[in-house]
N, C-alpha and C. Protein backbone atom coordinates (compact mmCIF):
# COMPACT_ATOMS: atom_id res chain seq x y z
N UNK A 1 33.67 -14.03 -18.41
CA UNK A 1 33.28 -13.27 -17.24
C UNK A 1 31.78 -13.45 -17.06
N UNK A 2 31.31 -13.80 -15.84
CA UNK A 2 29.88 -14.00 -15.62
C UNK A 2 29.11 -12.70 -15.78
N UNK A 3 27.88 -12.87 -16.24
CA UNK A 3 26.99 -11.73 -16.39
C UNK A 3 26.45 -11.35 -15.02
N UNK A 4 26.48 -10.06 -14.69
CA UNK A 4 25.93 -9.66 -13.38
C UNK A 4 24.42 -9.88 -13.36
N UNK A 5 23.88 -10.17 -12.18
CA UNK A 5 22.43 -10.38 -12.09
C UNK A 5 21.68 -9.11 -12.49
N UNK A 6 20.53 -9.33 -13.08
CA UNK A 6 19.69 -8.20 -13.47
C UNK A 6 19.23 -7.48 -12.22
N UNK A 7 19.15 -6.16 -12.29
CA UNK A 7 18.67 -5.43 -11.11
C UNK A 7 17.23 -5.82 -10.78
N UNK A 8 16.97 -5.97 -9.51
CA UNK A 8 15.63 -6.31 -9.03
C UNK A 8 14.90 -5.02 -8.69
N UNK A 9 13.60 -4.99 -8.99
CA UNK A 9 12.84 -3.79 -8.62
C UNK A 9 12.83 -3.63 -7.11
N UNK A 10 12.82 -2.42 -6.69
CA UNK A 10 12.75 -2.14 -5.25
C UNK A 10 11.44 -2.66 -4.70
N UNK A 11 11.47 -3.27 -3.51
CA UNK A 11 10.21 -3.76 -2.95
C UNK A 11 9.24 -2.60 -2.75
N UNK A 12 8.00 -2.86 -3.11
CA UNK A 12 6.99 -1.83 -2.91
C UNK A 12 6.51 -1.87 -1.47
N UNK A 13 6.37 -0.72 -0.90
CA UNK A 13 5.89 -0.69 0.47
C UNK A 13 4.37 -0.91 0.45
N UNK A 14 3.90 -1.49 1.51
CA UNK A 14 2.46 -1.75 1.64
C UNK A 14 1.74 -0.42 1.74
N UNK A 15 0.51 -0.36 1.21
CA UNK A 15 -0.23 0.89 1.34
C UNK A 15 -0.50 1.20 2.80
N UNK A 16 -0.62 2.47 3.13
CA UNK A 16 -0.86 2.85 4.53
C UNK A 16 -2.15 2.21 5.06
N UNK A 17 -2.04 1.58 6.20
CA UNK A 17 -3.17 0.92 6.85
C UNK A 17 -3.42 1.59 8.19
N UNK A 18 -4.69 1.83 8.47
CA UNK A 18 -5.09 2.40 9.76
C UNK A 18 -6.29 1.62 10.25
N UNK A 19 -6.25 1.18 11.49
CA UNK A 19 -7.38 0.49 12.12
C UNK A 19 -7.86 1.35 13.27
N UNK A 20 -9.16 1.66 13.24
CA UNK A 20 -9.74 2.54 14.26
C UNK A 20 -10.97 1.90 14.88
N UNK A 21 -11.31 2.33 16.07
CA UNK A 21 -12.57 1.92 16.69
C UNK A 21 -13.72 2.61 15.97
N UNK A 22 -14.79 1.88 15.75
CA UNK A 22 -15.96 2.45 15.10
C UNK A 22 -16.98 2.88 16.15
N UNK A 23 -17.80 3.85 15.76
CA UNK A 23 -18.89 4.32 16.61
C UNK A 23 -20.19 4.19 15.82
N UNK A 24 -21.27 4.57 16.44
CA UNK A 24 -22.56 4.53 15.73
C UNK A 24 -22.55 5.41 14.49
N UNK A 25 -21.75 6.45 14.48
CA UNK A 25 -21.68 7.31 13.30
C UNK A 25 -21.06 6.57 12.11
N UNK A 26 -20.35 5.48 12.38
CA UNK A 26 -19.71 4.69 11.32
C UNK A 26 -20.60 3.58 10.77
N UNK A 27 -21.82 3.47 11.27
CA UNK A 27 -22.71 2.40 10.80
C UNK A 27 -22.89 2.44 9.28
N UNK A 28 -23.07 3.58 8.63
CA UNK A 28 -23.18 3.56 7.16
C UNK A 28 -21.94 2.96 6.47
N UNK A 29 -20.77 3.18 7.04
CA UNK A 29 -19.54 2.60 6.47
C UNK A 29 -19.56 1.08 6.65
N UNK A 30 -19.97 0.62 7.83
CA UNK A 30 -20.05 -0.83 8.09
C UNK A 30 -21.06 -1.47 7.14
N UNK A 31 -22.20 -0.83 6.96
CA UNK A 31 -23.22 -1.36 6.05
C UNK A 31 -22.66 -1.45 4.62
N UNK A 32 -21.96 -0.41 4.18
CA UNK A 32 -21.40 -0.42 2.82
C UNK A 32 -20.38 -1.55 2.66
N UNK A 33 -19.54 -1.74 3.67
CA UNK A 33 -18.57 -2.84 3.61
C UNK A 33 -19.28 -4.20 3.63
N UNK A 34 -20.31 -4.32 4.46
CA UNK A 34 -21.06 -5.58 4.51
C UNK A 34 -21.73 -5.86 3.17
N UNK A 35 -22.28 -4.85 2.53
CA UNK A 35 -22.91 -5.03 1.23
C UNK A 35 -21.91 -5.56 0.20
N UNK A 36 -20.67 -5.12 0.30
CA UNK A 36 -19.65 -5.52 -0.67
C UNK A 36 -19.00 -6.87 -0.35
N UNK A 37 -19.13 -7.33 0.91
CA UNK A 37 -18.42 -8.56 1.30
C UNK A 37 -19.31 -9.74 1.60
N UNK A 38 -20.54 -9.50 2.04
CA UNK A 38 -21.42 -10.57 2.52
C UNK A 38 -21.70 -11.61 1.45
N UNK A 39 -22.22 -11.16 0.33
CA UNK A 39 -22.62 -12.10 -0.72
C UNK A 39 -21.42 -12.87 -1.27
N UNK A 40 -20.29 -12.23 -1.61
CA UNK A 40 -19.15 -13.01 -2.10
C UNK A 40 -18.61 -14.01 -1.08
N UNK A 41 -18.77 -13.70 0.20
CA UNK A 41 -18.27 -14.60 1.25
C UNK A 41 -19.11 -15.86 1.35
N UNK A 42 -20.42 -15.72 1.25
CA UNK A 42 -21.31 -16.84 1.56
C UNK A 42 -22.04 -17.47 0.39
N UNK A 43 -21.94 -16.92 -0.81
CA UNK A 43 -22.75 -17.41 -1.93
C UNK A 43 -22.53 -18.88 -2.27
N UNK A 44 -21.36 -19.43 -1.97
CA UNK A 44 -21.09 -20.83 -2.27
C UNK A 44 -21.28 -21.73 -1.04
N UNK A 45 -21.69 -21.14 0.07
CA UNK A 45 -21.80 -21.89 1.32
C UNK A 45 -23.25 -22.08 1.75
N UNK A 46 -24.06 -21.03 1.61
CA UNK A 46 -25.47 -21.12 2.04
C UNK A 46 -26.36 -20.66 0.89
N UNK A 47 -27.64 -20.98 1.00
CA UNK A 47 -28.59 -20.64 -0.07
C UNK A 47 -28.78 -19.13 -0.17
N UNK A 48 -29.21 -18.68 -1.32
CA UNK A 48 -29.50 -17.26 -1.55
C UNK A 48 -30.55 -16.77 -0.56
N UNK A 49 -31.57 -17.59 -0.29
CA UNK A 49 -32.63 -17.20 0.65
C UNK A 49 -32.06 -16.99 2.06
N UNK A 50 -31.21 -17.93 2.50
CA UNK A 50 -30.61 -17.80 3.82
C UNK A 50 -29.65 -16.61 3.85
N UNK A 51 -28.90 -16.42 2.81
CA UNK A 51 -27.97 -15.31 2.72
C UNK A 51 -28.72 -13.98 2.86
N UNK A 52 -29.80 -13.83 2.10
CA UNK A 52 -30.58 -12.59 2.15
C UNK A 52 -31.23 -12.39 3.52
N UNK A 53 -31.77 -13.46 4.09
CA UNK A 53 -32.42 -13.37 5.39
C UNK A 53 -31.42 -12.92 6.47
N UNK A 54 -30.27 -13.61 6.50
CA UNK A 54 -29.28 -13.30 7.53
C UNK A 54 -28.76 -11.87 7.39
N UNK A 55 -28.55 -11.43 6.16
CA UNK A 55 -28.07 -10.07 5.95
C UNK A 55 -29.07 -9.07 6.53
N UNK A 56 -30.37 -9.29 6.25
CA UNK A 56 -31.40 -8.38 6.77
C UNK A 56 -31.46 -8.39 8.29
N UNK A 57 -31.16 -9.52 8.90
CA UNK A 57 -31.20 -9.62 10.36
C UNK A 57 -29.97 -8.95 11.00
N UNK A 58 -28.82 -9.10 10.38
CA UNK A 58 -27.57 -8.69 11.01
C UNK A 58 -27.14 -7.27 10.64
N UNK A 59 -27.41 -6.83 9.41
CA UNK A 59 -26.77 -5.61 8.92
C UNK A 59 -27.68 -4.42 8.66
N UNK A 60 -28.86 -4.40 9.24
CA UNK A 60 -29.63 -3.16 9.16
C UNK A 60 -29.00 -2.16 10.14
N UNK A 61 -29.14 -0.88 9.88
CA UNK A 61 -28.62 0.09 10.85
C UNK A 61 -29.17 -0.14 12.26
N UNK A 62 -30.44 -0.48 12.38
CA UNK A 62 -31.02 -0.73 13.71
C UNK A 62 -30.36 -1.93 14.38
N UNK A 63 -30.11 -2.98 13.63
CA UNK A 63 -29.45 -4.16 14.19
C UNK A 63 -28.02 -3.85 14.62
N UNK A 64 -27.30 -3.11 13.81
CA UNK A 64 -25.93 -2.75 14.18
C UNK A 64 -25.90 -1.86 15.42
N UNK A 65 -26.85 -0.92 15.52
CA UNK A 65 -26.94 -0.09 16.73
C UNK A 65 -27.20 -0.97 17.96
N UNK A 66 -28.12 -1.93 17.82
CA UNK A 66 -28.43 -2.84 18.92
C UNK A 66 -27.18 -3.66 19.31
N UNK A 67 -26.43 -4.12 18.31
CA UNK A 67 -25.21 -4.86 18.61
C UNK A 67 -24.23 -3.99 19.41
N UNK A 68 -24.12 -2.73 19.02
CA UNK A 68 -23.20 -1.83 19.72
C UNK A 68 -23.71 -1.47 21.11
N UNK A 69 -24.99 -1.12 21.22
CA UNK A 69 -25.53 -0.63 22.48
C UNK A 69 -25.84 -1.73 23.48
N UNK A 70 -26.57 -2.75 23.03
CA UNK A 70 -27.10 -3.76 23.95
C UNK A 70 -26.20 -4.98 24.08
N UNK A 71 -25.57 -5.38 22.99
CA UNK A 71 -24.72 -6.58 23.03
C UNK A 71 -23.26 -6.23 23.25
N UNK A 72 -22.96 -4.96 23.32
CA UNK A 72 -21.61 -4.44 23.61
C UNK A 72 -20.56 -4.94 22.63
N UNK A 73 -20.94 -5.06 21.34
CA UNK A 73 -19.97 -5.40 20.31
C UNK A 73 -19.11 -4.17 20.04
N UNK A 74 -17.83 -4.39 20.03
CA UNK A 74 -16.87 -3.35 19.65
C UNK A 74 -16.53 -3.57 18.18
N UNK A 75 -16.63 -2.54 17.37
CA UNK A 75 -16.32 -2.64 15.95
C UNK A 75 -15.02 -1.92 15.66
N UNK A 76 -14.23 -2.52 14.78
CA UNK A 76 -13.01 -1.91 14.28
C UNK A 76 -13.15 -1.73 12.77
N UNK A 77 -12.70 -0.61 12.27
CA UNK A 77 -12.69 -0.35 10.83
C UNK A 77 -11.25 -0.27 10.36
N UNK A 78 -10.98 -0.92 9.23
CA UNK A 78 -9.65 -0.87 8.62
C UNK A 78 -9.72 0.02 7.38
N UNK A 79 -8.79 0.94 7.31
CA UNK A 79 -8.69 1.85 6.17
C UNK A 79 -7.36 1.61 5.47
N UNK A 80 -7.40 1.42 4.16
CA UNK A 80 -6.20 1.31 3.35
C UNK A 80 -6.19 2.53 2.43
N UNK A 81 -5.09 3.26 2.46
CA UNK A 81 -4.99 4.50 1.69
C UNK A 81 -6.18 5.43 1.96
N UNK A 82 -6.65 5.44 3.20
CA UNK A 82 -7.75 6.31 3.59
C UNK A 82 -9.14 5.82 3.22
N UNK A 83 -9.23 4.66 2.58
CA UNK A 83 -10.53 4.12 2.15
C UNK A 83 -10.93 2.95 3.04
N UNK A 84 -12.20 2.90 3.51
CA UNK A 84 -12.64 1.76 4.32
C UNK A 84 -12.51 0.47 3.50
N UNK A 85 -11.84 -0.52 4.08
CA UNK A 85 -11.51 -1.74 3.35
C UNK A 85 -11.89 -3.02 4.08
N UNK A 86 -12.25 -2.91 5.35
CA UNK A 86 -12.64 -4.09 6.11
C UNK A 86 -13.09 -3.70 7.50
N UNK A 87 -13.68 -4.67 8.19
CA UNK A 87 -14.10 -4.42 9.57
C UNK A 87 -14.13 -5.72 10.35
N UNK A 88 -14.12 -5.56 11.65
CA UNK A 88 -14.24 -6.69 12.58
C UNK A 88 -15.08 -6.21 13.75
N UNK A 89 -15.70 -7.17 14.44
CA UNK A 89 -16.35 -6.84 15.71
C UNK A 89 -16.07 -7.97 16.68
N UNK A 90 -16.04 -7.60 17.95
CA UNK A 90 -15.77 -8.57 19.01
C UNK A 90 -16.53 -8.16 20.26
N UNK A 91 -16.69 -9.13 21.15
CA UNK A 91 -17.37 -8.85 22.42
C UNK A 91 -16.84 -9.79 23.49
N UNK A 92 -17.06 -9.38 24.73
CA UNK A 92 -16.60 -10.17 25.87
C UNK A 92 -17.64 -11.21 26.22
N UNK A 93 -17.17 -12.41 26.53
CA UNK A 93 -18.01 -13.49 27.04
C UNK A 93 -17.55 -13.78 28.47
N UNK A 94 -18.23 -14.69 29.16
CA UNK A 94 -17.78 -15.00 30.54
C UNK A 94 -16.39 -15.65 30.58
N UNK A 95 -15.79 -15.58 31.73
CA UNK A 95 -14.55 -16.28 32.06
C UNK A 95 -13.36 -15.83 31.22
N UNK A 96 -13.30 -14.54 30.89
CA UNK A 96 -12.13 -14.02 30.18
C UNK A 96 -12.03 -14.42 28.72
N UNK A 97 -13.12 -14.89 28.16
CA UNK A 97 -13.13 -15.27 26.75
C UNK A 97 -13.75 -14.11 25.95
N UNK A 98 -13.13 -13.82 24.83
CA UNK A 98 -13.67 -12.83 23.89
C UNK A 98 -14.10 -13.56 22.64
N UNK A 99 -15.07 -12.99 21.95
CA UNK A 99 -15.60 -13.62 20.74
C UNK A 99 -15.44 -12.68 19.56
N UNK A 100 -14.80 -13.16 18.51
CA UNK A 100 -14.70 -12.42 17.26
C UNK A 100 -16.00 -12.68 16.52
N UNK A 101 -16.88 -11.69 16.52
CA UNK A 101 -18.21 -11.87 15.94
C UNK A 101 -18.21 -11.76 14.43
N UNK A 102 -17.38 -10.85 13.90
CA UNK A 102 -17.37 -10.59 12.47
C UNK A 102 -15.97 -10.19 12.05
N UNK A 103 -15.61 -10.60 10.85
CA UNK A 103 -14.41 -10.07 10.20
C UNK A 103 -14.63 -10.21 8.71
N UNK A 104 -14.60 -9.07 8.03
CA UNK A 104 -14.83 -9.04 6.58
C UNK A 104 -13.87 -8.05 5.96
N UNK A 105 -13.30 -8.45 4.85
CA UNK A 105 -12.38 -7.62 4.08
C UNK A 105 -12.89 -7.56 2.66
N UNK A 106 -12.86 -6.38 2.06
CA UNK A 106 -13.29 -6.25 0.67
C UNK A 106 -12.56 -7.28 -0.19
N UNK A 107 -13.28 -7.91 -1.11
CA UNK A 107 -12.61 -8.90 -1.98
C UNK A 107 -11.36 -8.34 -2.65
N UNK A 108 -11.36 -7.07 -3.01
CA UNK A 108 -10.20 -6.47 -3.67
C UNK A 108 -8.99 -6.33 -2.74
N UNK A 109 -9.20 -6.48 -1.43
CA UNK A 109 -8.12 -6.33 -0.46
C UNK A 109 -7.78 -7.64 0.25
N UNK A 110 -8.39 -8.73 -0.14
CA UNK A 110 -8.08 -10.00 0.50
C UNK A 110 -6.71 -10.50 0.05
N UNK A 111 -6.12 -11.34 0.87
CA UNK A 111 -4.78 -11.91 0.63
C UNK A 111 -3.69 -10.85 0.65
N UNK A 112 -3.93 -9.76 1.36
CA UNK A 112 -2.92 -8.71 1.49
C UNK A 112 -2.55 -8.46 2.95
N UNK A 113 -2.99 -9.34 3.86
CA UNK A 113 -2.65 -9.21 5.27
C UNK A 113 -3.61 -8.38 6.09
N UNK A 114 -4.67 -7.86 5.46
CA UNK A 114 -5.60 -7.00 6.20
C UNK A 114 -6.38 -7.79 7.25
N UNK A 115 -6.86 -8.98 6.89
CA UNK A 115 -7.58 -9.81 7.85
C UNK A 115 -6.70 -10.17 9.04
N UNK A 116 -5.47 -10.49 8.75
CA UNK A 116 -4.51 -10.83 9.80
C UNK A 116 -4.30 -9.63 10.73
N UNK A 117 -4.21 -8.44 10.16
CA UNK A 117 -4.03 -7.24 10.98
C UNK A 117 -5.27 -6.95 11.82
N UNK A 118 -6.47 -7.17 11.25
CA UNK A 118 -7.69 -6.96 12.03
C UNK A 118 -7.75 -7.94 13.19
N UNK A 119 -7.43 -9.20 12.95
CA UNK A 119 -7.42 -10.18 14.04
C UNK A 119 -6.39 -9.78 15.09
N UNK A 120 -5.22 -9.33 14.66
CA UNK A 120 -4.20 -8.87 15.61
C UNK A 120 -4.70 -7.72 16.47
N UNK A 121 -5.46 -6.81 15.88
CA UNK A 121 -6.00 -5.68 16.65
C UNK A 121 -7.03 -6.17 17.67
N UNK A 122 -7.86 -7.14 17.28
CA UNK A 122 -8.84 -7.70 18.21
C UNK A 122 -8.11 -8.43 19.34
N UNK A 123 -7.11 -9.23 19.00
CA UNK A 123 -6.34 -9.94 20.03
C UNK A 123 -5.71 -8.97 21.01
N UNK A 124 -5.12 -7.90 20.50
CA UNK A 124 -4.48 -6.91 21.37
C UNK A 124 -5.49 -6.26 22.30
N UNK A 125 -6.67 -5.92 21.77
CA UNK A 125 -7.71 -5.30 22.62
C UNK A 125 -8.19 -6.29 23.68
N UNK A 126 -8.37 -7.55 23.31
CA UNK A 126 -8.83 -8.55 24.28
C UNK A 126 -7.76 -8.78 25.36
N UNK A 127 -6.50 -8.87 24.95
CA UNK A 127 -5.42 -9.04 25.93
C UNK A 127 -5.37 -7.85 26.89
N UNK A 128 -5.46 -6.65 26.33
CA UNK A 128 -5.40 -5.44 27.16
C UNK A 128 -6.53 -5.41 28.18
N UNK A 129 -7.68 -5.98 27.81
CA UNK A 129 -8.83 -6.02 28.72
C UNK A 129 -8.77 -7.22 29.67
N UNK A 130 -7.69 -7.99 29.61
CA UNK A 130 -7.53 -9.14 30.50
C UNK A 130 -8.07 -10.44 29.93
N UNK A 131 -8.34 -10.48 28.65
CA UNK A 131 -8.86 -11.70 28.03
C UNK A 131 -7.83 -12.81 28.00
N UNK A 132 -8.33 -14.03 28.17
CA UNK A 132 -7.45 -15.21 28.16
C UNK A 132 -7.54 -15.99 26.86
N UNK A 133 -8.66 -15.83 26.13
CA UNK A 133 -8.85 -16.59 24.89
C UNK A 133 -9.74 -15.79 23.95
N UNK A 134 -9.60 -16.11 22.67
CA UNK A 134 -10.44 -15.51 21.64
C UNK A 134 -11.08 -16.65 20.86
N UNK A 135 -12.40 -16.59 20.72
CA UNK A 135 -13.14 -17.61 19.97
C UNK A 135 -13.82 -16.96 18.77
N UNK A 136 -14.17 -17.78 17.81
CA UNK A 136 -14.94 -17.33 16.66
C UNK A 136 -15.72 -18.52 16.11
N UNK A 137 -16.83 -18.22 15.47
CA UNK A 137 -17.61 -19.22 14.75
C UNK A 137 -17.29 -19.11 13.28
N UNK A 138 -17.14 -20.25 12.63
CA UNK A 138 -16.90 -20.26 11.18
C UNK A 138 -17.66 -21.44 10.59
N UNK A 139 -18.38 -21.18 9.52
CA UNK A 139 -19.15 -22.23 8.85
C UNK A 139 -18.22 -23.38 8.49
N UNK A 140 -18.70 -24.60 8.67
CA UNK A 140 -17.88 -25.78 8.43
C UNK A 140 -17.42 -25.91 6.98
N UNK A 141 -18.07 -25.19 6.07
CA UNK A 141 -17.70 -25.27 4.65
C UNK A 141 -17.01 -24.00 4.17
N UNK A 142 -16.67 -23.10 5.07
CA UNK A 142 -16.08 -21.83 4.69
C UNK A 142 -14.59 -22.03 4.35
N UNK A 143 -14.17 -21.60 3.17
CA UNK A 143 -12.75 -21.72 2.83
C UNK A 143 -11.82 -20.96 3.78
N UNK A 144 -12.36 -20.06 4.60
CA UNK A 144 -11.54 -19.30 5.55
C UNK A 144 -11.04 -20.15 6.71
N UNK A 145 -11.48 -21.40 6.81
CA UNK A 145 -11.00 -22.27 7.89
C UNK A 145 -9.47 -22.28 7.94
N UNK A 146 -8.84 -22.44 6.80
CA UNK A 146 -7.38 -22.49 6.75
C UNK A 146 -6.76 -21.17 7.19
N UNK A 147 -7.40 -20.05 6.84
CA UNK A 147 -6.90 -18.74 7.27
C UNK A 147 -6.87 -18.66 8.80
N UNK A 148 -7.96 -19.08 9.44
CA UNK A 148 -8.00 -19.02 10.90
C UNK A 148 -6.96 -19.93 11.53
N UNK A 149 -6.75 -21.09 10.95
CA UNK A 149 -5.72 -21.99 11.47
C UNK A 149 -4.34 -21.35 11.35
N UNK A 150 -4.08 -20.66 10.25
CA UNK A 150 -2.78 -19.98 10.08
C UNK A 150 -2.61 -18.86 11.11
N UNK A 151 -3.72 -18.34 11.63
CA UNK A 151 -3.65 -17.28 12.65
C UNK A 151 -3.51 -17.86 14.06
N UNK A 152 -3.41 -19.18 14.16
CA UNK A 152 -3.21 -19.81 15.46
C UNK A 152 -4.47 -20.32 16.13
N UNK A 153 -5.60 -20.27 15.45
CA UNK A 153 -6.85 -20.81 16.01
C UNK A 153 -6.91 -22.31 15.76
N UNK A 154 -7.58 -23.02 16.65
CA UNK A 154 -7.80 -24.46 16.49
C UNK A 154 -9.26 -24.76 16.77
N UNK A 155 -9.74 -25.82 16.14
CA UNK A 155 -11.14 -26.21 16.36
C UNK A 155 -11.33 -26.59 17.82
N UNK A 156 -12.35 -25.99 18.43
CA UNK A 156 -12.64 -26.20 19.85
C UNK A 156 -13.87 -27.09 20.02
N UNK A 157 -14.89 -26.86 19.16
CA UNK A 157 -16.10 -27.66 19.19
C UNK A 157 -16.93 -27.36 17.95
N UNK A 158 -17.99 -28.12 17.75
CA UNK A 158 -18.96 -27.84 16.69
C UNK A 158 -20.20 -27.24 17.33
N UNK A 159 -20.89 -26.41 16.55
CA UNK A 159 -22.07 -25.74 17.08
C UNK A 159 -23.02 -25.45 15.91
N UNK A 160 -24.29 -25.77 16.09
CA UNK A 160 -25.31 -25.44 15.10
C UNK A 160 -26.14 -24.30 15.67
N UNK A 161 -26.14 -23.17 14.95
CA UNK A 161 -26.75 -21.95 15.45
C UNK A 161 -28.00 -21.64 14.64
N UNK A 162 -29.17 -21.56 15.30
CA UNK A 162 -30.38 -21.19 14.56
C UNK A 162 -30.41 -19.69 14.29
N UNK A 163 -30.73 -19.34 13.06
CA UNK A 163 -30.93 -17.93 12.69
C UNK A 163 -32.25 -17.89 11.94
N UNK A 164 -33.31 -17.50 12.66
CA UNK A 164 -34.64 -17.54 12.07
C UNK A 164 -34.96 -18.97 11.68
N UNK A 165 -35.42 -19.19 10.46
CA UNK A 165 -35.77 -20.54 10.02
C UNK A 165 -34.56 -21.32 9.50
N UNK A 166 -33.36 -20.77 9.60
CA UNK A 166 -32.15 -21.38 9.03
C UNK A 166 -31.19 -21.79 10.12
N UNK A 167 -30.17 -22.54 9.72
CA UNK A 167 -29.14 -22.98 10.64
C UNK A 167 -27.78 -22.64 10.07
N UNK A 168 -26.89 -22.21 10.94
CA UNK A 168 -25.48 -22.09 10.59
C UNK A 168 -24.78 -23.28 11.25
N UNK A 169 -24.17 -24.10 10.45
CA UNK A 169 -23.44 -25.26 10.93
C UNK A 169 -21.97 -24.87 11.05
N UNK A 170 -21.56 -24.57 12.28
CA UNK A 170 -20.26 -23.94 12.51
C UNK A 170 -19.30 -24.83 13.29
N UNK A 171 -18.04 -24.48 13.13
CA UNK A 171 -17.01 -24.87 14.09
C UNK A 171 -16.80 -23.63 14.97
N UNK A 172 -16.51 -23.87 16.22
CA UNK A 172 -16.04 -22.80 17.09
C UNK A 172 -14.53 -23.00 17.19
N UNK A 173 -13.80 -22.00 16.73
CA UNK A 173 -12.35 -22.01 16.81
C UNK A 173 -11.94 -21.19 18.02
N UNK A 174 -10.80 -21.56 18.60
CA UNK A 174 -10.33 -20.88 19.81
C UNK A 174 -8.83 -20.68 19.73
N UNK A 175 -8.41 -19.56 20.29
CA UNK A 175 -6.98 -19.26 20.40
C UNK A 175 -6.71 -18.72 21.79
N UNK A 176 -5.77 -19.32 22.47
CA UNK A 176 -5.39 -18.81 23.79
C UNK A 176 -4.57 -17.53 23.58
N UNK A 177 -4.81 -16.54 24.43
CA UNK A 177 -4.09 -15.26 24.28
C UNK A 177 -2.92 -15.15 25.24
């Protein structure tokens, strides 16, 4: 008589995820997430000097306020089990194109679908606002290239972006909505 298969553990449900719009009051949370994600994301791609310079330019509270107020960046915060775990920002460009300016997930929460959910939330917001496409810049040496391709983005063009005395050598990826 054959041996019955061993019982399989019940699938674990994913921890509760909530994605909310951020306001200026959430800037300290965005800064804390940036502090935890920036260096691990870029340490193998750009120099320490460039990494430090760009962080100071992009993630000071004053810079984030300017992005929200003057550049009209919309920020989303992702919470897993009630704890801030990632964020994204996007903004409208001409001709119905939206730009994903930032997406960062805590290293401890990567490869769990959080980045995919943040991109989905940005896509939904852009579609609801009448957007036809979503673009993003990604460093040509960033291992996240494959992640963006799995999300349906394709290389649209190359772009070298000056940031102070440094350059970001990027691909611009695009996804039709």
